[in-house]
Amino acid sequence: MGRGSKGAYMNDYLRESLSYFGLYKKMFQQKKIVKPEYVSYGEDKEQYFLYYEPQKTVSDKIIFWVHGGGWNAGSPKFFDYVGQRMAKEGYRMISAGYRLSPKHKYPCQIKDVCNCYNAALKYLSDKDIDTSKVIVAGPSAGAHLTSIMCYSEKVQQSFNVDISNIVGFIGSGGPYSFRTDDTKTIRILLNQLFKKNYDRQNGEPLKLMSNNHIPMLLIQSKHDGLIQYECAVDFKKKADLIGNRCELYTVVDKKNTHSWYTAGMFMEERNENKGLDKFFSWIEKSL
């Protein structure tokens, strides 16, 4: 990072830090449209998912969403407003929980996400819900984990994940590549996530990506404040190189720092947030 780049980053970092009060205030003002169903898939209290059934279903696609929070925070209950927004748009949604760092080290998180995915599909099938079209999505740490589940053949084989019914992947603000110029915040979070001397290539989406049929949309901001825009550029270059379909969408909204465009946008309206409109428009146009 040059001197100018460092200055711009610090400005974005401060904007990100100062955004939390406004986000939390708005979060607690969100209306609850539906009551989600709680389903446990493991013995740990963090191993559960919430299922959101809309009052009126407008699509046969199901959204499997994995929350962010730096791998060490967050839960489906905390991000209830995202599920409420998906239900408002008429989509069935699974909001997946997983064990958090630093207590639980990687690969616990990806194991949980994969096991949750399998449990969720079985749960839906038992309710006679068609699971042939699944959109997998996640912000930040959730983008990291879901991108591995979708594109790592090694992980799919290890945890018996069948990706044949996944028709799209959307990642927002994901740390897909571990860069030498990563921000201090990301370096700290990765140190919490991985055991000392663990080969981090086994947890790096860029290194794990293999070729398959799943198209991807990467939503990334040049003013994130936490994660380098180049992480998405790196991931797209690898996707293009091996023949995976990838669209990189650059955030143009004024609320363009990490927490706003990865999760906060779900508290906005589509006509006022272009990133949110892109998210749903891409799903609507996918197979």
C-alpha atoms as a PDB file:
ATOM      1  CA  MET A   1       0.000   0.000   0.000  1.00  0.00           C
ATOM      2  CA  GLY A   2       1.351   3.403  -0.955  1.00  0.00           C
ATOM      3  CA  ARG A   3       1.044   6.471   1.264  1.00  0.00           C
ATOM      4  CA  GLY A   4      -2.087   7.634  -0.541  1.00  0.00           C
ATOM      5  CA  SER A   5      -3.630   4.180  -0.383  1.00  0.00           C
ATOM      6  CA  LYS A   6      -2.909   3.927   3.347  1.00  0.00           C
ATOM      7  CA  GLY A   7      -4.603   7.263   3.914  1.00  0.00           C
ATOM      8  CA  ALA A   8      -7.673   6.209   1.952  1.00  0.00           C
ATOM      9  CA  TYR A   9      -7.776   2.891   3.820  1.00  0.00           C
ATOM     10  CA  MET A  10      -7.612   4.618   7.212  1.00  0.00           C
ATOM     11  CA  ASN A  11     -10.472   6.879   6.180  1.00  0.00           C
ATOM     12  CA  ASP A  12     -12.557   3.869   5.146  1.00  0.00           C
ATOM     13  CA  TYR A  13     -11.566   2.011   8.322  1.00  0.00           C
ATOM     14  CA  LEU A  14     -12.800   4.924  10.440  1.00  0.00           C
ATOM     15  CA  ARG A  15     -16.019   5.124   8.428  1.00  0.00           C
ATOM     16  CA  GLU A  16     -16.541   1.385   8.986  1.00  0.00           C
ATOM     17  CA  SER A  17     -15.906   1.718  12.732  1.00  0.00           C
ATOM     18  CA  LEU A  18     -18.281   4.661  13.038  1.00  0.00           C
ATOM     19  CA  SER A  19     -21.039   2.852  11.135  1.00  0.00           C
ATOM     20  CA  TYR A  20     -21.802   0.331  13.882  1.00  0.00           C
ATOM     21  CA  PHE A  21     -24.059   2.562  15.998  1.00  0.00           C
ATOM     22  CA  GLY A  22     -26.266   3.405  13.035  1.00  0.00           C
ATOM     23  CA  LEU A  23     -26.399  -0.227  11.949  1.00  0.00           C
ATOM     24  CA  TYR A  24     -27.373  -1.516  15.376  1.00  0.00           C
ATOM     25  CA  LYS A  25     -29.998   1.193  15.793  1.00  0.00           C
ATOM     26  CA  LYS A  26     -31.558   0.334  12.457  1.00  0.00           C
ATOM     27  CA  MET A  27     -31.303  -3.405  13.122  1.00  0.00           C
ATOM     28  CA  PHE A  28     -33.501  -3.206  16.209  1.00  0.00           C
ATOM     29  CA  GLN A  29     -36.107  -1.245  14.270  1.00  0.00           C
ATOM     30  CA  GLN A  30     -36.690  -4.036  11.749  1.00  0.00           C
ATOM     31  CA  LYS A  31     -40.127  -5.630  11.693  1.00  0.00           C
ATOM     32  CA  LYS A  32     -40.524  -9.378  12.108  1.00  0.00           C
ATOM     33  CA  ILE A  33     -42.700 -10.708   9.315  1.00  0.00           C
ATOM     34  CA  VAL A  34     -42.411 -14.428   9.974  1.00  0.00           C
ATOM     35  CA  LYS A  35     -41.346 -16.643  12.849  1.00  0.00           C
ATOM     36  CA  PRO A  36     -38.421 -18.852  11.761  1.00  0.00           C
ATOM     37  CA  GLU A  37     -38.197 -22.523  12.658  1.00  0.00           C
ATOM     38  CA  TYR A  38     -35.223 -23.477  14.826  1.00  0.00           C
ATOM     39  CA  VAL A  39     -33.439 -26.715  13.905  1.00  0.00           C
ATOM     40  CA  SER A  40     -30.362 -28.185  15.616  1.00  0.00           C
ATOM     41  CA  TYR A  41     -27.923 -30.228  13.547  1.00  0.00           C
ATOM     42  CA  GLY A  42     -25.274 -30.908  16.216  1.00  0.00           C
ATOM     43  CA  GLU A  43     -24.593 -31.005  19.934  1.00  0.00           C
ATOM     44  CA  ASP A  44     -22.958 -27.568  20.225  1.00  0.00           C
ATOM     45  CA  LYS A  45     -25.272 -24.615  20.879  1.00  0.00           C
ATOM     46  CA  GLU A  46     -23.925 -22.875  17.771  1.00  0.00           C
ATOM     47  CA  GLN A  47     -24.774 -25.817  15.494  1.00  0.00           C
ATOM     48  CA  TYR A  48     -28.260 -24.874  14.388  1.00  0.00           C
ATOM     49  CA  PHE A  49     -30.089 -23.214  11.539  1.00  0.00           C
ATOM     50  CA  LEU A  50     -33.194 -21.095  11.178  1.00  0.00           C
ATOM     51  CA  TYR A  51     -35.681 -21.765   8.408  1.00  0.00           C
ATOM     52  CA  TYR A  52     -37.702 -18.849   7.037  1.00  0.00           C
ATOM     53  CA  GLU A  53     -40.916 -19.652   5.167  1.00  0.00           C
ATOM     54  CA  PRO A  54     -42.362 -16.574   3.431  1.00  0.00           C
ATOM     55  CA  GLN A  55     -46.025 -15.741   3.677  1.00  0.00           C
ATOM     56  CA  LYS A  56     -46.123 -15.844  -0.115  1.00  0.00           C
ATOM     57  CA  THR A  57     -43.472 -17.771  -2.028  1.00  0.00           C
ATOM     58  CA  VAL A  58     -42.494 -16.141  -5.332  1.00  0.00           C
ATOM     59  CA  SER A  59     -39.653 -18.449  -6.377  1.00  0.00           C
ATOM     60  CA  ASP A  60     -38.709 -22.119  -6.402  1.00  0.00           C
ATOM     61  CA  LYS A  61     -35.153 -21.135  -5.434  1.00  0.00           C
ATOM     62  CA  ILE A  62     -33.981 -21.639  -1.854  1.00  0.00           C
ATOM     63  CA  ILE A  63     -31.342 -19.377  -0.315  1.00  0.00           C
ATOM     64  CA  PHE A  64     -28.766 -21.020   1.952  1.00  0.00           C
ATOM     65  CA  TRP A  65     -27.125 -18.125   3.802  1.00  0.00           C
ATOM     66  CA  VAL A  66     -24.117 -18.236   6.138  1.00  0.00           C
ATOM     67  CA  HIS A  67     -23.503 -15.244   8.393  1.00  0.00           C
ATOM     68  CA  GLY A  68     -20.320 -13.237   8.795  1.00  0.00           C
ATOM     69  CA  GLY A  69     -18.719 -11.812  11.917  1.00  0.00           C
ATOM     70  CA  GLY A  70     -14.992 -12.397  11.567  1.00  0.00           C
ATOM     71  CA  TRP A  71     -15.426 -16.132  12.263  1.00  0.00           C
ATOM     72  CA  ASN A  72     -15.626 -15.232  15.970  1.00  0.00           C
ATOM     73  CA  ALA A  73     -19.044 -13.576  16.272  1.00  0.00           C
ATOM     74  CA  GLY A  74     -22.564 -13.575  14.906  1.00  0.00           C
ATOM     75  CA  SER A  75     -25.353 -16.124  14.705  1.00  0.00           C
ATOM     76  CA  PRO A  76     -28.534 -16.785  12.712  1.00  0.00           C
ATOM     77  CA  LYS A  77     -30.549 -15.227  15.553  1.00  0.00           C
ATOM     78  CA  PHE A  78     -28.442 -12.070  15.517  1.00  0.00           C
ATOM     79  CA  PHE A  79     -28.918 -11.728  11.757  1.00  0.00           C
ATOM     80  CA  ASP A  80     -32.652 -12.432  11.913  1.00  0.00           C
ATOM     81  CA  TYR A  81     -33.317  -9.278   9.895  1.00  0.00           C
ATOM     82  CA  VAL A  82     -31.636 -10.874   6.870  1.00  0.00           C
ATOM     83  CA  GLY A  83     -34.001 -13.843   7.023  1.00  0.00           C
ATOM     84  CA  GLN A  84     -36.938 -11.487   7.465  1.00  0.00           C
ATOM     85  CA  ARG A  85     -35.857  -9.583   4.364  1.00  0.00           C
ATOM     86  CA  MET A  86     -35.550 -12.770   2.300  1.00  0.00           C
ATOM     87  CA  ALA A  87     -39.032 -13.781   3.437  1.00  0.00           C
ATOM     88  CA  LYS A  88     -40.341 -10.332   2.517  1.00  0.00           C
ATOM     89  CA  GLU A  89     -38.972 -10.845  -0.999  1.00  0.00           C
ATOM     90  CA  GLY A  90     -40.752 -14.217  -1.152  1.00  0.00           C
ATOM     91  CA  TYR A  91     -37.766 -16.560  -0.810  1.00  0.00           C
ATOM     92  CA  ARG A  92     -37.424 -19.590   1.411  1.00  0.00           C
ATOM     93  CA  MET A  93     -34.183 -19.281   3.339  1.00  0.00           C
ATOM     94  CA  ILE A  94     -31.914 -21.320   5.569  1.00  0.00           C
ATOM     95  CA  SER A  95     -29.736 -19.214   7.882  1.00  0.00           C
ATOM     96  CA  ALA A  96     -26.837 -21.384   9.004  1.00  0.00           C
ATOM     97  CA  GLY A  97     -24.919 -21.234  12.259  1.00  0.00           C
ATOM     98  CA  TYR A  98     -21.481 -22.684  12.943  1.00  0.00           C
ATOM     99  CA  ARG A  99     -18.959 -22.977  15.763  1.00  0.00           C
ATOM    100  CA  LEU A 100     -16.921 -19.830  16.278  1.00  0.00           C
ATOM    101  CA  SER A 101     -13.251 -19.024  16.765  1.00  0.00           C
ATOM    102  CA  PRO A 102     -11.041 -18.652  18.714  1.00  0.00           C
ATOM    103  CA  LYS A 103     -12.473 -21.485  20.830  1.00  0.00           C
ATOM    104  CA  HIS A 104     -13.024 -23.632  17.766  1.00  0.00           C
ATOM    105  CA  LYS A 105     -10.275 -23.662  15.151  1.00  0.00           C
ATOM    106  CA  TYR A 106     -10.602 -24.209  11.425  1.00  0.00           C
ATOM    107  CA  PRO A 107     -11.670 -26.605   9.860  1.00  0.00           C
ATOM    108  CA  CYS A 108     -14.502 -26.806  12.433  1.00  0.00           C
ATOM    109  CA  GLN A 109     -16.288 -23.943  10.656  1.00  0.00           C
ATOM    110  CA  ILE A 110     -16.302 -25.449   7.168  1.00  0.00           C
ATOM    111  CA  LYS A 111     -17.233 -28.850   8.581  1.00  0.00           C
ATOM    112  CA  ASP A 112     -20.236 -27.253  10.285  1.00  0.00           C
ATOM    113  CA  VAL A 113     -21.315 -25.333   7.191  1.00  0.00           C
ATOM    114  CA  CYS A 114     -21.203 -28.501   5.085  1.00  0.00           C
ATOM    115  CA  ASN A 115     -23.024 -30.580   7.698  1.00  0.00           C
ATOM    116  CA  CYS A 116     -25.593 -27.836   8.100  1.00  0.00           C
ATOM    117  CA  TYR A 117     -26.148 -27.719   4.349  1.00  0.00           C
ATOM    118  CA  ASN A 118     -26.784 -31.455   4.217  1.00  0.00           C
ATOM    119  CA  ALA A 119     -29.066 -31.340   7.263  1.00  0.00           C
ATOM    120  CA  ALA A 120     -31.008 -28.377   5.864  1.00  0.00           C
ATOM    121  CA  LEU A 121     -31.640 -30.056   2.523  1.00  0.00           C
ATOM    122  CA  LYS A 122     -32.871 -33.189   4.272  1.00  0.00           C
ATOM    123  CA  TYR A 123     -35.091 -31.073   6.519  1.00  0.00           C
ATOM    124  CA  LEU A 124     -36.634 -29.321   3.508  1.00  0.00           C
ATOM    125  CA  SER A 125     -37.039 -32.554   1.547  1.00  0.00           C
ATOM    126  CA  ASP A 126     -38.847 -34.093   4.529  1.00  0.00           C
ATOM    127  CA  LYS A 127     -41.276 -31.164   4.277  1.00  0.00           C
ATOM    128  CA  ASP A 128     -41.800 -31.994   0.572  1.00  0.00           C
ATOM    129  CA  ILE A 129     -40.075 -28.773  -0.500  1.00  0.00           C
ATOM    130  CA  ASP A 130     -38.226 -28.880  -3.815  1.00  0.00           C
ATOM    131  CA  THR A 131     -34.482 -28.453  -3.195  1.00  0.00           C
ATOM    132  CA  SER A 132     -33.319 -28.695  -6.797  1.00  0.00           C
ATOM    133  CA  LYS A 133     -32.424 -24.989  -7.054  1.00  0.00           C
ATOM    134  CA  VAL A 134     -30.289 -23.614  -4.237  1.00  0.00           C
ATOM    135  CA  ILE A 135     -28.544 -20.249  -4.088  1.00  0.00           C
ATOM    136  CA  VAL A 136     -25.645 -20.293  -1.616  1.00  0.00           C
ATOM    137  CA  ALA A 137     -24.732 -16.894  -0.211  1.00  0.00           C
ATOM    138  CA  GLY A 138     -22.701 -15.346   2.554  1.00  0.00           C
ATOM    139  CA  PRO A 139     -21.065 -12.084   3.617  1.00  0.00           C
ATOM    140  CA  SER A 140     -17.507 -11.646   4.887  1.00  0.00           C
ATOM    141  CA  ALA A 141     -16.519 -14.766   6.881  1.00  0.00           C
ATOM    142  CA  GLY A 142     -19.674 -16.367   5.525  1.00  0.00           C
ATOM    143  CA  ALA A 143     -18.484 -15.639   1.978  1.00  0.00           C
ATOM    144  CA  HIS A 144     -15.167 -17.280   2.827  1.00  0.00           C
ATOM    145  CA  LEU A 145     -16.828 -20.453   4.117  1.00  0.00           C
ATOM    146  CA  THR A 146     -19.527 -20.777   1.463  1.00  0.00           C
ATOM    147  CA  SER A 147     -17.060 -20.199  -1.366  1.00  0.00           C
ATOM    148  CA  ILE A 148     -15.013 -23.111  -0.062  1.00  0.00           C
ATOM    149  CA  MET A 149     -18.073 -25.349   0.167  1.00  0.00           C
ATOM    150  CA  CYS A 150     -19.150 -24.419  -3.361  1.00  0.00           C
ATOM    151  CA  TYR A 151     -15.802 -24.581  -5.153  1.00  0.00           C
ATOM    152  CA  SER A 152     -13.503 -26.951  -3.275  1.00  0.00           C
ATOM    153  CA  GLU A 153     -13.849 -30.482  -4.603  1.00  0.00           C
ATOM    154  CA  LYS A 154     -11.582 -31.634  -1.777  1.00  0.00           C
ATOM    155  CA  VAL A 155     -13.941 -30.240   0.865  1.00  0.00           C
ATOM    156  CA  GLN A 156     -17.015 -31.580  -0.922  1.00  0.00           C
ATOM    157  CA  GLN A 157     -15.540 -35.072  -0.914  1.00  0.00           C
ATOM    158  CA  SER A 158     -14.400 -34.804   2.709  1.00  0.00           C
ATOM    159  CA  PHE A 159     -17.838 -33.818   4.018  1.00  0.00           C
ATOM    160  CA  ASN A 160     -20.036 -35.587   1.454  1.00  0.00           C
ATOM    161  CA  VAL A 161     -21.545 -32.448  -0.073  1.00  0.00           C
ATOM    162  CA  ASP A 162     -23.488 -32.837  -3.315  1.00  0.00           C
ATOM    163  CA  ILE A 163     -23.367 -29.509  -5.187  1.00  0.00           C
ATOM    164  CA  SER A 164     -25.454 -30.626  -8.166  1.00  0.00           C
ATOM    165  CA  ASN A 165     -28.494 -28.642  -6.974  1.00  0.00           C
ATOM    166  CA  ILE A 166     -26.582 -25.403  -6.320  1.00  0.00           C
ATOM    167  CA  VAL A 167     -27.472 -22.990  -9.120  1.00  0.00           C
ATOM    168  CA  GLY A 168     -25.575 -19.942  -7.914  1.00  0.00           C
ATOM    169  CA  PHE A 169     -23.160 -18.485  -5.366  1.00  0.00           C
ATOM    170  CA  ILE A 170     -23.156 -14.911  -4.060  1.00  0.00           C
ATOM    171  CA  GLY A 171     -20.308 -13.700  -1.888  1.00  0.00           C
ATOM    172  CA  SER A 172     -20.194 -10.207  -0.378  1.00  0.00           C
ATOM    173  CA  GLY A 173     -16.978  -8.728   0.999  1.00  0.00           C
ATOM    174  CA  GLY A 174     -15.232 -12.085   1.106  1.00  0.00           C
ATOM    175  CA  PRO A 175     -11.588 -12.704   2.087  1.00  0.00           C
ATOM    176  CA  TYR A 176     -11.088 -15.181  -0.746  1.00  0.00           C
ATOM    177  CA  SER A 177      -7.317 -14.781  -0.913  1.00  0.00           C
ATOM    178  CA  PHE A 178      -4.865 -14.387   1.949  1.00  0.00           C
ATOM    179  CA  ARG A 179      -2.635 -11.540   0.836  1.00  0.00           C
ATOM    180  CA  THR A 180       0.664 -10.203   2.121  1.00  0.00           C
ATOM    181  CA  ASP A 181      -0.956  -6.753   2.292  1.00  0.00           C
ATOM    182  CA  ASP A 182      -3.988  -7.903   4.290  1.00  0.00           C
ATOM    183  CA  THR A 183      -5.187  -5.380   6.845  1.00  0.00           C
ATOM    184  CA  LYS A 184      -4.137  -5.727  10.470  1.00  0.00           C
ATOM    185  CA  THR A 185      -7.716  -6.605  11.428  1.00  0.00           C
ATOM    186  CA  ILE A 186      -7.818  -9.527   8.989  1.00  0.00           C
ATOM    187  CA  ARG A 187      -4.417 -10.775  10.145  1.00  0.00           C
ATOM    188  CA  ILE A 188      -5.648 -10.827  13.751  1.00  0.00           C
ATOM    189  CA  LEU A 189      -8.849 -12.651  12.807  1.00  0.00           C
ATOM    190  CA  LEU A 190      -6.976 -15.255  10.761  1.00  0.00           C
ATOM    191  CA  ASN A 191      -4.592 -15.834  13.666  1.00  0.00           C
ATOM    192  CA  GLN A 192      -7.629 -16.567  15.819  1.00  0.00           C
ATOM    193  CA  LEU A 193      -9.172 -18.843  13.195  1.00  0.00           C
ATOM    194  CA  PHE A 194      -6.183 -21.092  12.464  1.00  0.00           C
ATOM    195  CA  LYS A 195      -4.014 -23.088  14.796  1.00  0.00           C
ATOM    196  CA  LYS A 196      -0.346 -22.176  14.898  1.00  0.00           C
ATOM    197  CA  ASN A 197       1.582 -23.838  12.041  1.00  0.00           C
ATOM    198  CA  TYR A 198      -1.647 -24.882  10.277  1.00  0.00           C
ATOM    199  CA  ASP A 199      -1.248 -24.862   6.496  1.00  0.00           C
ATOM    200  CA  ARG A 200      -3.573 -21.992   5.663  1.00  0.00           C
ATOM    201  CA  GLN A 201      -3.778 -22.976   2.022  1.00  0.00           C
ATOM    202  CA  ASN A 202      -6.197 -25.649   3.265  1.00  0.00           C
ATOM    203  CA  GLY A 203      -8.515 -22.823   4.303  1.00  0.00           C
ATOM    204  CA  GLU A 204      -7.917 -20.340   1.489  1.00  0.00           C
ATOM    205  CA  PRO A 205     -10.718 -20.227  -1.113  1.00  0.00           C
ATOM    206  CA  LEU A 206      -8.382 -19.091  -3.892  1.00  0.00           C
ATOM    207  CA  LYS A 207      -6.084 -22.079  -3.457  1.00  0.00           C
ATOM    208  CA  LEU A 208      -8.955 -24.559  -3.054  1.00  0.00           C
ATOM    209  CA  MET A 209     -11.046 -23.498  -6.059  1.00  0.00           C
ATOM    210  CA  SER A 210     -11.763 -26.179  -8.637  1.00  0.00           C
ATOM    211  CA  ASN A 211     -13.810 -26.033 -11.818  1.00  0.00           C
ATOM    212  CA  ASN A 212     -17.548 -26.720 -11.680  1.00  0.00           C
ATOM    213  CA  HIS A 213     -20.935 -25.568 -12.974  1.00  0.00           C
ATOM    214  CA  ILE A 214     -21.835 -22.994 -10.285  1.00  0.00           C
ATOM    215  CA  PRO A 215     -21.934 -19.367 -11.506  1.00  0.00           C
ATOM    216  CA  MET A 216     -20.804 -16.775  -8.992  1.00  0.00           C
ATOM    217  CA  LEU A 217     -21.498 -13.151  -8.177  1.00  0.00           C
ATOM    218  CA  LEU A 218     -18.864 -11.374  -6.095  1.00  0.00           C
ATOM    219  CA  ILE A 219     -20.035  -8.132  -4.492  1.00  0.00           C
ATOM    220  CA  GLN A 220     -17.047  -6.121  -3.286  1.00  0.00           C
ATOM    221  CA  SER A 221     -16.315  -2.516  -2.350  1.00  0.00           C
ATOM    222  CA  LYS A 222     -13.211  -0.457  -3.002  1.00  0.00           C
ATOM    223  CA  HIS A 223     -13.989   1.372   0.252  1.00  0.00           C
ATOM    224  CA  ASP A 224     -14.554  -1.683   2.449  1.00  0.00           C
ATOM    225  CA  GLY A 225     -12.298  -0.585   5.318  1.00  0.00           C
ATOM    226  CA  LEU A 226     -11.493  -4.155   6.389  1.00  0.00           C
ATOM    227  CA  ILE A 227     -11.003  -6.412   3.381  1.00  0.00           C
ATOM    228  CA  GLN A 228      -9.012  -5.596   0.267  1.00  0.00           C
ATOM    229  CA  TYR A 229     -10.985  -5.215  -2.964  1.00  0.00           C
ATOM    230  CA  GLU A 230      -8.188  -7.221  -4.585  1.00  0.00           C
ATOM    231  CA  CYS A 231      -9.351 -10.355  -2.721  1.00  0.00           C
ATOM    232  CA  ALA A 232     -12.321 -10.499  -5.085  1.00  0.00           C
ATOM    233  CA  VAL A 233     -10.135  -9.589  -8.073  1.00  0.00           C
ATOM    234  CA  ASP A 234      -7.810 -12.499  -7.220  1.00  0.00           C
ATOM    235  CA  PHE A 235     -10.761 -14.879  -6.952  1.00  0.00           C
ATOM    236  CA  LYS A 236     -12.253 -13.751 -10.262  1.00  0.00           C
ATOM    237  CA  LYS A 237      -8.914 -14.152 -12.043  1.00  0.00           C
ATOM    238  CA  LYS A 238      -8.662 -17.734 -10.788  1.00  0.00           C
ATOM    239  CA  ALA A 239     -12.276 -18.409 -11.779  1.00  0.00           C
ATOM    240  CA  ASP A 240     -11.691 -17.038 -15.279  1.00  0.00           C
ATOM    241  CA  LEU A 241      -8.478 -19.039 -15.591  1.00  0.00           C
ATOM    242  CA  ILE A 242     -10.074 -22.404 -14.815  1.00  0.00           C
ATOM    243  CA  GLY A 243     -13.374 -21.737 -16.604  1.00  0.00           C
ATOM    244  CA  ASN A 244     -15.766 -20.876 -13.775  1.00  0.00           C
ATOM    245  CA  ARG A 245     -18.416 -18.277 -14.544  1.00  0.00           C
ATOM    246  CA  CYS A 246     -17.825 -15.206 -12.387  1.00  0.00           C
ATOM    247  CA  GLU A 247     -19.209 -11.671 -12.245  1.00  0.00           C
ATOM    248  CA  LEU A 248     -17.494  -9.091 -10.061  1.00  0.00           C
ATOM    249  CA  TYR A 249     -19.828  -6.297  -9.015  1.00  0.00           C
ATOM    250  CA  THR A 250     -18.220  -3.176  -7.548  1.00  0.00           C
ATOM    251  CA  VAL A 251     -20.332  -1.428  -4.907  1.00  0.00           C
ATOM    252  CA  VAL A 252     -21.409   2.065  -6.007  1.00  0.00           C
ATOM    253  CA  ASP A 253     -23.673   2.977  -3.087  1.00  0.00           C
ATOM    254  CA  LYS A 254     -22.565   5.673  -0.629  1.00  0.00           C
ATOM    255  CA  LYS A 255     -22.941   3.167   2.211  1.00  0.00           C
ATOM    256  CA  ASN A 256     -19.975   1.230   0.888  1.00  0.00           C
ATOM    257  CA  THR A 257     -18.027   0.166   3.985  1.00  0.00           C
ATOM    258  CA  HIS A 258     -17.806  -3.467   5.005  1.00  0.00           C
ATOM    259  CA  SER A 259     -20.707  -3.915   7.413  1.00  0.00           C
ATOM    260  CA  TRP A 260     -23.093  -1.813   5.365  1.00  0.00           C
ATOM    261  CA  TYR A 261     -22.783  -3.610   2.046  1.00  0.00           C
ATOM    262  CA  THR A 262     -22.310  -7.130   3.404  1.00  0.00           C
ATOM    263  CA  ALA A 263     -25.256  -7.199   5.815  1.00  0.00           C
ATOM    264  CA  GLY A 264     -26.650  -3.730   6.429  1.00  0.00           C
ATOM    265  CA  MET A 265     -27.973  -3.481   2.888  1.00  0.00           C
ATOM    266  CA  PHE A 266     -30.710  -5.968   3.811  1.00  0.00           C
ATOM    267  CA  MET A 267     -32.261  -3.218   5.930  1.00  0.00           C
ATOM    268  CA  GLU A 268     -32.513  -0.954   2.873  1.00  0.00           C
ATOM    269  CA  GLU A 269     -35.004  -0.887   0.008  1.00  0.00           C
ATOM    270  CA  ARG A 270     -34.072  -2.116  -3.446  1.00  0.00           C
ATOM    271  CA  ASN A 271     -34.812   1.253  -5.031  1.00  0.00           C
ATOM    272  CA  GLU A 272     -32.358   2.976  -2.679  1.00  0.00           C
ATOM    273  CA  ASN A 273     -29.552   0.410  -2.574  1.00  0.00           C
ATOM    274  CA  LYS A 274     -28.075  -0.756  -5.870  1.00  0.00           C
ATOM    275  CA  GLY A 275     -26.073  -3.541  -4.206  1.00  0.00           C
ATOM    276  CA  LEU A 276     -29.221  -5.034  -2.717  1.00  0.00           C
ATOM    277  CA  ASP A 277     -31.030  -4.768  -6.024  1.00  0.00           C
ATOM    278  CA  LYS A 278     -28.099  -6.479  -7.730  1.00  0.00           C
ATOM    279  CA  PHE A 279     -28.262  -9.307  -5.161  1.00  0.00           C
ATOM    280  CA  PHE A 280     -31.915 -10.073  -5.814  1.00  0.00           C
ATOM    281  CA  SER A 281     -31.829  -9.322  -9.564  1.00  0.00           C
ATOM    282  CA  TRP A 282     -28.997 -11.808 -10.024  1.00  0.00           C
ATOM    283  CA  ILE A 283     -30.962 -14.492  -8.174  1.00  0.00           C
ATOM    284  CA  GLU A 284     -34.058 -13.763 -10.225  1.00  0.00           C
ATOM    285  CA  LYS A 285     -32.111 -14.122 -13.478  1.00  0.00           C
ATOM    286  CA  SER A 286     -30.222 -17.279 -12.461  1.00  0.00           C
ATOM    287  CA  LEU A 287     -31.453 -20.691 -13.573  1.00  0.00           C
END
